Amino acid sequence: MRLTQLKPNERVRIVAIEGGHGLRQKLYLRGISEGCDARIVSCFGPVTIEVNRNVVTIGRGMAQKIRVVRR
């Protein structure tokens, strides 16, 4: 399941990031990496998630490349 397919307040675990080194590095610097838990804050327009007590907003293109499973 993709990050963009979820609704607000759902809790997920990131299982894969399907992108190159540049995308992975950008996400890693924002605290988003494979294996971490997240909560969806908003998914209308840019996707806003809470990861490790930090709120991060990413574009829909980046969010489409993140695979997650519900917790």
PDB file of N, CA and C in Angstrom:
ATOM      1  N   MET A   1       0.842  -1.169   0.000  1.00  0.00           N
ATOM      2  CA  MET A   1       0.000   0.000   0.000  1.00  0.00           C
ATOM      3  C   MET A   1       0.895   1.242   0.000  1.00  0.00           C
ATOM      4  N   ARG A   2       0.469   2.256  -0.692  1.00  0.00           N
ATOM      5  CA  ARG A   2       1.232   3.511  -0.784  1.00  0.00           C
ATOM      6  C   ARG A   2       0.813   4.475   0.320  1.00  0.00           C
ATOM      7  N   LEU A   3       1.702   5.361   0.670  1.00  0.00           N
ATOM      8  CA  LEU A   3       1.429   6.358   1.705  1.00  0.00           C
ATOM      9  C   LEU A   3       0.260   7.261   1.315  1.00  0.00           C
ATOM     10  N   THR A   4       0.076   7.507   0.036  1.00  0.00           N
ATOM     11  CA  THR A   4      -0.994   8.401  -0.420  1.00  0.00           C
ATOM     12  C   THR A   4      -2.375   7.756  -0.365  1.00  0.00           C
ATOM     13  N   GLN A   5      -2.461   6.469  -0.089  1.00  0.00           N
ATOM     14  CA  GLN A   5      -3.738   5.762  -0.071  1.00  0.00           C
ATOM     15  C   GLN A   5      -4.379   5.720   1.312  1.00  0.00           C
ATOM     16  N   LEU A   6      -3.807   6.407   2.276  1.00  0.00           N
ATOM     17  CA  LEU A   6      -4.280   6.316   3.651  1.00  0.00           C
ATOM     18  C   LEU A   6      -5.121   7.514   4.046  1.00  0.00           C
ATOM     19  N   LYS A   7      -5.768   7.401   5.197  1.00  0.00           N
ATOM     20  CA  LYS A   7      -6.600   8.471   5.733  1.00  0.00           C
ATOM     21  C   LYS A   7      -5.946   9.046   6.982  1.00  0.00           C
ATOM     22  N   PRO A   8      -6.335  10.251   7.379  1.00  0.00           N
ATOM     23  CA  PRO A   8      -5.753  10.858   8.586  1.00  0.00           C
ATOM     24  C   PRO A   8      -5.925   9.974   9.832  1.00  0.00           C
ATOM     25  N   ASN A   9      -4.942  10.044  10.714  1.00  0.00           N
ATOM     26  CA  ASN A   9      -4.875   9.326  11.991  1.00  0.00           C
ATOM     27  C   ASN A   9      -4.597   7.834  11.865  1.00  0.00           C
ATOM     28  N   GLU A  10      -4.317   7.331  10.678  1.00  0.00           N
ATOM     29  CA  GLU A  10      -3.924   5.930  10.552  1.00  0.00           C
ATOM     30  C   GLU A  10      -2.457   5.794  10.929  1.00  0.00           C
ATOM     31  N   ARG A  11      -2.133   4.694  11.587  1.00  0.00           N
ATOM     32  CA  ARG A  11      -0.746   4.415  11.981  1.00  0.00           C
ATOM     33  C   ARG A  11      -0.185   3.358  11.042  1.00  0.00           C
ATOM     34  N   VAL A  12       1.052   3.589  10.601  1.00  0.00           N
ATOM     35  CA  VAL A  12       1.671   2.705   9.618  1.00  0.00           C
ATOM     36  C   VAL A  12       3.136   2.451   9.967  1.00  0.00           C
ATOM     37  N   ARG A  13       3.690   1.434   9.319  1.00  0.00           N
ATOM     38  CA  ARG A  13       5.118   1.166   9.369  1.00  0.00           C
ATOM     39  C   ARG A  13       5.632   1.251   7.942  1.00  0.00           C
ATOM     40  N   ILE A  14       6.714   1.977   7.743  1.00  0.00           N
ATOM     41  CA  ILE A  14       7.302   2.125   6.410  1.00  0.00           C
ATOM     42  C   ILE A  14       8.118   0.868   6.108  1.00  0.00           C
ATOM     43  N   VAL A  15       7.770   0.203   5.014  1.00  0.00           N
ATOM     44  CA  VAL A  15       8.452  -1.048   4.673  1.00  0.00           C
ATOM     45  C   VAL A  15       9.399  -0.904   3.491  1.00  0.00           C
ATOM     46  N   ALA A  16       9.173   0.076   2.617  1.00  0.00           N
ATOM     47  CA  ALA A  16      10.057   0.242   1.459  1.00  0.00           C
ATOM     48  C   ALA A  16       9.964   1.656   0.911  1.00  0.00           C
ATOM     49  N   ILE A  17      11.095   2.138   0.426  1.00  0.00           N
ATOM     50  CA  ILE A  17      11.143   3.414  -0.284  1.00  0.00           C
ATOM     51  C   ILE A  17      11.645   3.108  -1.676  1.00  0.00           C
ATOM     52  N   GLU A  18      10.780   3.302  -2.671  1.00  0.00           N
ATOM     53  CA  GLU A  18      11.101   2.946  -4.044  1.00  0.00           C
ATOM     54  C   GLU A  18      11.609   4.170  -4.787  1.00  0.00           C
ATOM     55  N   GLY A  19      12.866   4.450  -4.610  1.00  0.00           N
ATOM     56  CA  GLY A  19      13.453   5.605  -5.270  1.00  0.00           C
ATOM     57  C   GLY A  19      14.958   5.493  -5.246  1.00  0.00           C
ATOM     58  N   GLY A  20      15.593   6.425  -5.870  1.00  0.00           N
ATOM     59  CA  GLY A  20      17.043   6.434  -5.942  1.00  0.00           C
ATOM     60  C   GLY A  20      17.689   6.966  -4.671  1.00  0.00           C
ATOM     61  N   HIS A  21      18.994   7.097  -4.742  1.00  0.00           N
ATOM     62  CA  HIS A  21      19.775   7.546  -3.593  1.00  0.00           C
ATOM     63  C   HIS A  21      19.367   8.944  -3.140  1.00  0.00           C
ATOM     64  N   GLY A  22      19.101   9.848  -4.078  1.00  0.00           N
ATOM     65  CA  GLY A  22      18.726  11.220  -3.738  1.00  0.00           C
ATOM     66  C   GLY A  22      17.433  11.286  -2.949  1.00  0.00           C
ATOM     67  N   LEU A  23      16.419  10.547  -3.387  1.00  0.00           N
ATOM     68  CA  LEU A  23      15.135  10.520  -2.677  1.00  0.00           C
ATOM     69  C   LEU A  23      15.308   9.918  -1.292  1.00  0.00           C
ATOM     70  N   ARG A  24      16.016   8.808  -1.210  1.00  0.00           N
ATOM     71  CA  ARG A  24      16.229   8.155   0.090  1.00  0.00           C
ATOM     72  C   ARG A  24      16.942   9.095   1.061  1.00  0.00           C
ATOM     73  N   GLN A  25      17.922   9.834   0.560  1.00  0.00           N
ATOM     74  CA  GLN A  25      18.667  10.741   1.422  1.00  0.00           C
ATOM     75  C   GLN A  25      17.787  11.892   1.904  1.00  0.00           C
ATOM     76  N   LYS A  26      16.980  12.469   1.011  1.00  0.00           N
ATOM     77  CA  LYS A  26      16.077  13.552   1.401  1.00  0.00           C
ATOM     78  C   LYS A  26      15.111  13.096   2.488  1.00  0.00           C
ATOM     79  N   LEU A  27      14.561  11.900   2.320  1.00  0.00           N
ATOM     80  CA  LEU A  27      13.626  11.384   3.314  1.00  0.00           C
ATOM     81  C   LEU A  27      14.341  11.059   4.622  1.00  0.00           C
ATOM     82  N   TYR A  28      15.522  10.474   4.532  1.00  0.00           N
ATOM     83  CA  TYR A  28      16.290  10.126   5.729  1.00  0.00           C
ATOM     84  C   TYR A  28      16.615  11.372   6.559  1.00  0.00           C
ATOM     85  N   LEU A  29      16.960  12.459   5.898  1.00  0.00           N
ATOM     86  CA  LEU A  29      17.269  13.695   6.610  1.00  0.00           C
ATOM     87  C   LEU A  29      16.041  14.275   7.298  1.00  0.00           C
ATOM     88  N   ARG A  30      14.860  13.881   6.866  1.00  0.00           N
ATOM     89  CA  ARG A  30      13.619  14.316   7.511  1.00  0.00           C
ATOM     90  C   ARG A  30      13.128  13.293   8.538  1.00  0.00           C
ATOM     91  N   GLY A  31      13.896  12.232   8.748  1.00  0.00           N
ATOM     92  CA  GLY A  31      13.540  11.222   9.747  1.00  0.00           C
ATOM     93  C   GLY A  31      12.701  10.087   9.216  1.00  0.00           C
ATOM     94  N   ILE A  32      12.569   9.990   7.902  1.00  0.00           N
ATOM     95  CA  ILE A  32      11.748   8.948   7.294  1.00  0.00           C
ATOM     96  C   ILE A  32      12.660   7.891   6.690  1.00  0.00           C
ATOM     97  N   SER A  33      12.572   6.667   7.211  1.00  0.00           N
ATOM     98  CA  SER A  33      13.377   5.572   6.674  1.00  0.00           C
ATOM     99  C   SER A  33      12.602   4.272   6.815  1.00  0.00           C
ATOM    100  N   GLU A  34      13.084   3.240   6.148  1.00  0.00           N
ATOM    101  CA  GLU A  34      12.431   1.940   6.207  1.00  0.00           C
ATOM    102  C   GLU A  34      12.466   1.406   7.635  1.00  0.00           C
ATOM    103  N   GLY A  35      11.340   0.863   8.075  1.00  0.00           N
ATOM    104  CA  GLY A  35      11.260   0.284   9.407  1.00  0.00           C
ATOM    105  C   GLY A  35      10.722   1.219  10.480  1.00  0.00           C
ATOM    106  N   CYS A  36      10.589   2.501  10.184  1.00  0.00           N
ATOM    107  CA  CYS A  36      10.095   3.416  11.225  1.00  0.00           C
ATOM    108  C   CYS A  36       8.569   3.497  11.183  1.00  0.00           C
ATOM    109  N   ASP A  37       7.986   3.851  12.315  1.00  0.00           N
ATOM    110  CA  ASP A  37       6.542   3.987  12.451  1.00  0.00           C
ATOM    111  C   ASP A  37       6.136   5.430  12.210  1.00  0.00           C
ATOM    112  N   ALA A  38       4.934   5.616  11.678  1.00  0.00           N
ATOM    113  CA  ALA A  38       4.449   6.960  11.376  1.00  0.00           C
ATOM    114  C   ALA A  38       2.945   7.020  11.589  1.00  0.00           C
ATOM    115  N   ARG A  39       2.444   8.243  11.740  1.00  0.00           N
ATOM    116  CA  ARG A  39       0.999   8.504  11.830  1.00  0.00           C
ATOM    117  C   ARG A  39       0.654   9.539  10.781  1.00  0.00           C
ATOM    118  N   ILE A  40      -0.403   9.286  10.032  1.00  0.00           N
ATOM    119  CA  ILE A  40      -0.835  10.205   8.986  1.00  0.00           C
ATOM    120  C   ILE A  40      -1.572  11.376   9.651  1.00  0.00           C
ATOM    121  N   VAL A  41      -1.129  12.596   9.372  1.00  0.00           N
ATOM    122  CA  VAL A  41      -1.778  13.791   9.896  1.00  0.00           C
ATOM    123  C   VAL A  41      -2.751  14.336   8.855  1.00  0.00           C
ATOM    124  N   SER A  42      -2.302  14.461   7.613  1.00  0.00           N
ATOM    125  CA  SER A  42      -3.140  14.974   6.534  1.00  0.00           C
ATOM    126  C   SER A  42      -2.688  14.350   5.226  1.00  0.00           C
ATOM    127  N   CYS A  43      -3.640  14.071   4.358  1.00  0.00           N
ATOM    128  CA  CYS A  43      -3.279  13.475   3.072  1.00  0.00           C
ATOM    129  C   CYS A  43      -3.956  14.194   1.908  1.00  0.00           C
ATOM    130  N   PHE A  44      -4.374  15.422   2.131  1.00  0.00           N
ATOM    131  CA  PHE A  44      -4.990  16.222   1.078  1.00  0.00           C
ATOM    132  C   PHE A  44      -3.979  17.243   0.603  1.00  0.00           C
ATOM    133  N   GLY A  45      -3.616  17.170  -0.671  1.00  0.00           N
ATOM    134  CA  GLY A  45      -2.517  17.991  -1.165  1.00  0.00           C
ATOM    135  C   GLY A  45      -1.218  17.330  -0.751  1.00  0.00           C
ATOM    136  N   PRO A  46      -0.273  18.095  -0.205  1.00  0.00           N
ATOM    137  CA  PRO A  46       0.945  17.467   0.316  1.00  0.00           C
ATOM    138  C   PRO A  46       0.594  16.539   1.481  1.00  0.00           C
ATOM    139  N   VAL A  47       1.362  15.483   1.659  1.00  0.00           N
ATOM    140  CA  VAL A  47       1.105  14.510   2.718  1.00  0.00           C
ATOM    141  C   VAL A  47       1.897  14.917   3.963  1.00  0.00           C
ATOM    142  N   THR A  48       1.201  15.011   5.080  1.00  0.00           N
ATOM    143  CA  THR A  48       1.835  15.367   6.350  1.00  0.00           C
ATOM    144  C   THR A  48       1.777  14.155   7.267  1.00  0.00           C
ATOM    145  N   ILE A  49       2.943  13.759   7.783  1.00  0.00           N
ATOM    146  CA  ILE A  49       3.013  12.621   8.691  1.00  0.00           C
ATOM    147  C   ILE A  49       3.795  12.997   9.938  1.00  0.00           C
ATOM    148  N   GLU A  50       3.551  12.244  10.992  1.00  0.00           N
ATOM    149  CA  GLU A  50       4.308  12.407  12.225  1.00  0.00           C
ATOM    150  C   GLU A  50       5.235  11.196  12.360  1.00  0.00           C
ATOM    151  N   VAL A  51       6.527  11.469  12.439  1.00  0.00           N
ATOM    152  CA  VAL A  51       7.539  10.425  12.559  1.00  0.00           C
ATOM    153  C   VAL A  51       8.466  10.805  13.704  1.00  0.00           C
ATOM    154  N   ASN A  52       8.627   9.917  14.666  1.00  0.00           N
ATOM    155  CA  ASN A  52       9.520  10.173  15.807  1.00  0.00           C
ATOM    156  C   ASN A  52       9.226  11.522  16.476  1.00  0.00           C
ATOM    157  N   ARG A  53       7.952  11.805  16.698  1.00  0.00           N
ATOM    158  CA  ARG A  53       7.490  13.042  17.341  1.00  0.00           C
ATOM    159  C   ARG A  53       7.768  14.303  16.531  1.00  0.00           C
ATOM    160  N   ASN A  54       8.105  14.173  15.271  1.00  0.00           N
ATOM    161  CA  ASN A  54       8.315  15.311  14.374  1.00  0.00           C
ATOM    162  C   ASN A  54       7.253  15.274  13.284  1.00  0.00           C
ATOM    163  N   VAL A  55       6.716  16.424  12.950  1.00  0.00           N
ATOM    164  CA  VAL A  55       5.732  16.507  11.868  1.00  0.00           C
ATOM    165  C   VAL A  55       6.464  16.903  10.596  1.00  0.00           C
ATOM    166  N   VAL A  56       6.287  16.095   9.546  1.00  0.00           N
ATOM    167  CA  VAL A  56       6.996  16.287   8.287  1.00  0.00           C
ATOM    168  C   VAL A  56       5.975  16.330   7.148  1.00  0.00           C
ATOM    169  N   THR A  57       6.130  17.280   6.248  1.00  0.00           N
ATOM    170  CA  THR A  57       5.273  17.384   5.072  1.00  0.00           C
ATOM    171  C   THR A  57       6.106  17.088   3.835  1.00  0.00           C
ATOM    172  N   ILE A  58       5.610  16.171   3.014  1.00  0.00           N
ATOM    173  CA  ILE A  58       6.295  15.825   1.768  1.00  0.00           C
ATOM    174  C   ILE A  58       5.298  15.900   0.619  1.00  0.00           C
ATOM    175  N   GLY A  59       5.797  16.076  -0.572  1.00  0.00           N
ATOM    176  CA  GLY A  59       4.941  16.145  -1.749  1.00  0.00           C
ATOM    177  C   GLY A  59       4.331  14.797  -2.087  1.00  0.00           C
ATOM    178  N   ARG A  60       3.265  14.840  -2.863  1.00  0.00           N
ATOM    179  CA  ARG A  60       2.574  13.601  -3.224  1.00  0.00           C
ATOM    180  C   ARG A  60       3.446  12.673  -4.068  1.00  0.00           C
ATOM    181  N   GLY A  61       4.321  13.241  -4.888  1.00  0.00           N
ATOM    182  CA  GLY A  61       5.213  12.415  -5.702  1.00  0.00           C
ATOM    183  C   GLY A  61       6.149  11.580  -4.846  1.00  0.00           C
ATOM    184  N   MET A  62       6.705  12.207  -3.817  1.00  0.00           N
ATOM    185  CA  MET A  62       7.573  11.472  -2.889  1.00  0.00           C
ATOM    186  C   MET A  62       6.753  10.444  -2.108  1.00  0.00           C
ATOM    187  N   ALA A  63       5.574  10.839  -1.654  1.00  0.00           N
ATOM    188  CA  ALA A  63       4.735   9.952  -0.856  1.00  0.00           C
ATOM    189  C   ALA A  63       4.299   8.724  -1.660  1.00  0.00           C
ATOM    190  N   GLN A  64       4.128   8.885  -2.975  1.00  0.00           N
ATOM    191  CA  GLN A  64       3.744   7.748  -3.833  1.00  0.00           C
ATOM    192  C   GLN A  64       4.812   6.660  -3.841  1.00  0.00           C
ATOM    193  N   LYS A  65       6.051   7.024  -3.569  1.00  0.00           N
ATOM    194  CA  LYS A  65       7.148   6.066  -3.634  1.00  0.00           C
ATOM    195  C   LYS A  65       7.422   5.378  -2.297  1.00  0.00           C
ATOM    196  N   ILE A  66       6.601   5.650  -1.299  1.00  0.00           N
ATOM    197  CA  ILE A  66       6.778   5.050   0.021  1.00  0.00           C
ATOM    198  C   ILE A  66       5.721   3.979   0.233  1.00  0.00           C
ATOM    199  N   ARG A  67       6.172   2.736   0.439  1.00  0.00           N
ATOM    200  CA  ARG A  67       5.266   1.617   0.710  1.00  0.00           C
ATOM    201  C   ARG A  67       5.139   1.426   2.209  1.00  0.00           C
ATOM    202  N   VAL A  68       3.909   1.191   2.665  1.00  0.00           N
ATOM    203  CA  VAL A  68       3.653   1.058   4.101  1.00  0.00           C
ATOM    204  C   VAL A  68       2.704  -0.117   4.361  1.00  0.00           C
ATOM    205  N   VAL A  69       2.654  -0.546   5.625  1.00  0.00           N
ATOM    206  CA  VAL A  69       1.639  -1.490   6.094  1.00  0.00           C
ATOM    207  C   VAL A  69       0.967  -0.849   7.301  1.00  0.00           C
ATOM    208  N   ARG A  70      -0.336  -1.108   7.444  1.00  0.00           N
ATOM    209  CA  ARG A  70      -1.074  -0.576   8.593  1.00  0.00           C
ATOM    210  C   ARG A  70      -0.643  -1.288   9.858  1.00  0.00           C
ATOM    211  N   ARG A  71      -0.700  -0.574  10.968  1.00  0.00           N
ATOM    212  CA  ARG A  71      -0.380  -1.166  12.270  1.00  0.00           C
ATOM    213  C   ARG A  71      -1.631  -1.301  13.088  1.00  0.00           C
TER     214      ARG A  71
END
